[in-house]
Amino acid sequence: MDLSQKTVENVEYMIETIKDKLRVLNLGAIKPSHFDEEMYEELKEIYEMVQRKNSFSPNEMQALVEELGNLRKK
């Protein structure tokens, strides 16, 4: 997957990957449709950080979910 391109498909891929890695329980809380390409770089930074780690503390998970919430479309 070429994540250098700001596409809807890449946004969907990154969100789904982040959800899987964080094991988000409320799957409806984070949907790819909540995000657009305007926040692509910020979303990509979160995606890359999540990919580097194997596990997350509850505080880290909460912070990541909150940050994703801040990136949602208004």
C-alpha atoms as a PDB file:
ATOM      1  CA  MET A   1       0.000   0.000   0.000  1.00  0.00           C
ATOM      2  CA  ASP A   2       1.386   3.403  -1.035  1.00  0.00           C
ATOM      3  CA  LEU A   3       0.512   5.706   1.848  1.00  0.00           C
ATOM      4  CA  SER A   4       2.275   8.675   0.264  1.00  0.00           C
ATOM      5  CA  GLN A   5      -0.947   9.437  -1.641  1.00  0.00           C
ATOM      6  CA  LYS A   6      -3.761  11.301   0.124  1.00  0.00           C
ATOM      7  CA  THR A   7      -6.663   9.078  -0.903  1.00  0.00           C
ATOM      8  CA  VAL A   8      -9.888   7.970   0.733  1.00  0.00           C
ATOM      9  CA  GLU A   9      -8.709   4.367   0.385  1.00  0.00           C
ATOM     10  CA  ASN A  10      -5.504   5.115   2.301  1.00  0.00           C
ATOM     11  CA  VAL A  11      -7.469   6.874   5.053  1.00  0.00           C
ATOM     12  CA  GLU A  12      -9.736   3.818   5.317  1.00  0.00           C
ATOM     13  CA  TYR A  13      -6.757   1.456   5.409  1.00  0.00           C
ATOM     14  CA  MET A  14      -4.967   3.412   8.141  1.00  0.00           C
ATOM     15  CA  ILE A  15      -8.087   3.741  10.309  1.00  0.00           C
ATOM     16  CA  GLU A  16      -8.901   0.034  10.020  1.00  0.00           C
ATOM     17  CA  THR A  17      -5.293  -0.911  10.799  1.00  0.00           C
ATOM     18  CA  ILE A  18      -5.218   1.383  13.844  1.00  0.00           C
ATOM     19  CA  LYS A  19      -8.519  -0.064  15.090  1.00  0.00           C
ATOM     20  CA  ASP A  20      -7.232  -3.617  14.694  1.00  0.00           C
ATOM     21  CA  LYS A  21      -3.941  -2.883  16.422  1.00  0.00           C
ATOM     22  CA  LEU A  22      -5.598  -1.053  19.330  1.00  0.00           C
ATOM     23  CA  ARG A  23      -8.373  -3.642  19.521  1.00  0.00           C
ATOM     24  CA  VAL A  24     -11.009  -0.905  19.664  1.00  0.00           C
ATOM     25  CA  LEU A  25     -14.118  -2.395  21.258  1.00  0.00           C
ATOM     26  CA  ASN A  26     -16.646   0.156  20.052  1.00  0.00           C
ATOM     27  CA  LEU A  27     -16.098  -0.250  16.322  1.00  0.00           C
ATOM     28  CA  GLY A  28     -18.732   2.364  15.513  1.00  0.00           C
ATOM     29  CA  ALA A  29     -16.812   5.019  17.424  1.00  0.00           C
ATOM     30  CA  ILE A  30     -14.065   5.203  14.814  1.00  0.00           C
ATOM     31  CA  LYS A  31     -15.120   4.960  11.193  1.00  0.00           C
ATOM     32  CA  PRO A  32     -13.105   5.863   8.117  1.00  0.00           C
ATOM     33  CA  SER A  33     -15.977   8.107   6.997  1.00  0.00           C
ATOM     34  CA  HIS A  34     -15.288  10.327  10.036  1.00  0.00           C
ATOM     35  CA  PHE A  35     -11.992  11.437   8.487  1.00  0.00           C
ATOM     36  CA  ASP A  36     -10.957  13.197   5.314  1.00  0.00           C
ATOM     37  CA  GLU A  37      -7.753  13.954   3.471  1.00  0.00           C
ATOM     38  CA  GLU A  38      -7.317  17.336   5.172  1.00  0.00           C
ATOM     39  CA  MET A  39      -6.008  15.589   8.294  1.00  0.00           C
ATOM     40  CA  TYR A  40      -4.054  13.007   6.311  1.00  0.00           C
ATOM     41  CA  GLU A  41      -0.585  13.852   7.619  1.00  0.00           C
ATOM     42  CA  GLU A  42      -1.715  13.814  11.254  1.00  0.00           C
ATOM     43  CA  LEU A  43      -3.517  10.509  10.718  1.00  0.00           C
ATOM     44  CA  LYS A  44      -0.448   9.048   9.020  1.00  0.00           C
ATOM     45  CA  GLU A  45       1.728  10.048  11.995  1.00  0.00           C
ATOM     46  CA  ILE A  46      -0.633   8.222  14.367  1.00  0.00           C
ATOM     47  CA  TYR A  47      -0.701   5.204  12.039  1.00  0.00           C
ATOM     48  CA  GLU A  48       3.110   5.046  11.884  1.00  0.00           C
ATOM     49  CA  MET A  49       3.442   5.340  15.665  1.00  0.00           C
ATOM     50  CA  VAL A  50       0.867   2.576  16.208  1.00  0.00           C
ATOM     51  CA  GLN A  51       2.692   0.344  13.730  1.00  0.00           C
ATOM     52  CA  ARG A  52       5.998   0.743  15.607  1.00  0.00           C
ATOM     53  CA  LYS A  53       4.639  -0.529  18.927  1.00  0.00           C
ATOM     54  CA  ASN A  54       3.586  -4.055  19.836  1.00  0.00           C
ATOM     55  CA  SER A  55       1.452  -3.178  22.840  1.00  0.00           C
ATOM     56  CA  PHE A  56      -0.145  -0.154  24.457  1.00  0.00           C
ATOM     57  CA  SER A  57      -0.930   0.825  28.006  1.00  0.00           C
ATOM     58  CA  PRO A  58      -4.524   1.820  28.780  1.00  0.00           C
ATOM     59  CA  ASN A  59      -3.378   5.453  29.031  1.00  0.00           C
ATOM     60  CA  GLU A  60      -1.692   5.283  25.629  1.00  0.00           C
ATOM     61  CA  MET A  61      -4.783   3.741  24.076  1.00  0.00           C
ATOM     62  CA  GLN A  62      -6.987   6.440  25.575  1.00  0.00           C
ATOM     63  CA  ALA A  63      -4.662   9.181  24.318  1.00  0.00           C
ATOM     64  CA  LEU A  64      -4.616   7.712  20.808  1.00  0.00           C
ATOM     65  CA  VAL A  65      -8.399   7.396  20.657  1.00  0.00           C
ATOM     66  CA  GLU A  66      -8.759  10.972  21.924  1.00  0.00           C
ATOM     67  CA  GLU A  67      -6.341  12.199  19.283  1.00  0.00           C
ATOM     68  CA  LEU A  68      -8.280  10.370  16.584  1.00  0.00           C
ATOM     69  CA  GLY A  69     -11.402  12.041  17.943  1.00  0.00           C
ATOM     70  CA  ASN A  70      -9.723  15.425  17.559  1.00  0.00           C
ATOM     71  CA  LEU A  71      -9.012  14.652  13.881  1.00  0.00           C
ATOM     72  CA  ARG A  72     -12.617  13.785  13.039  1.00  0.00           C
ATOM     73  CA  LYS A  73     -14.519  15.928  10.562  1.00  0.00           C
ATOM     74  CA  LYS A  74     -16.490  18.686  12.215  1.00  0.00           C
END
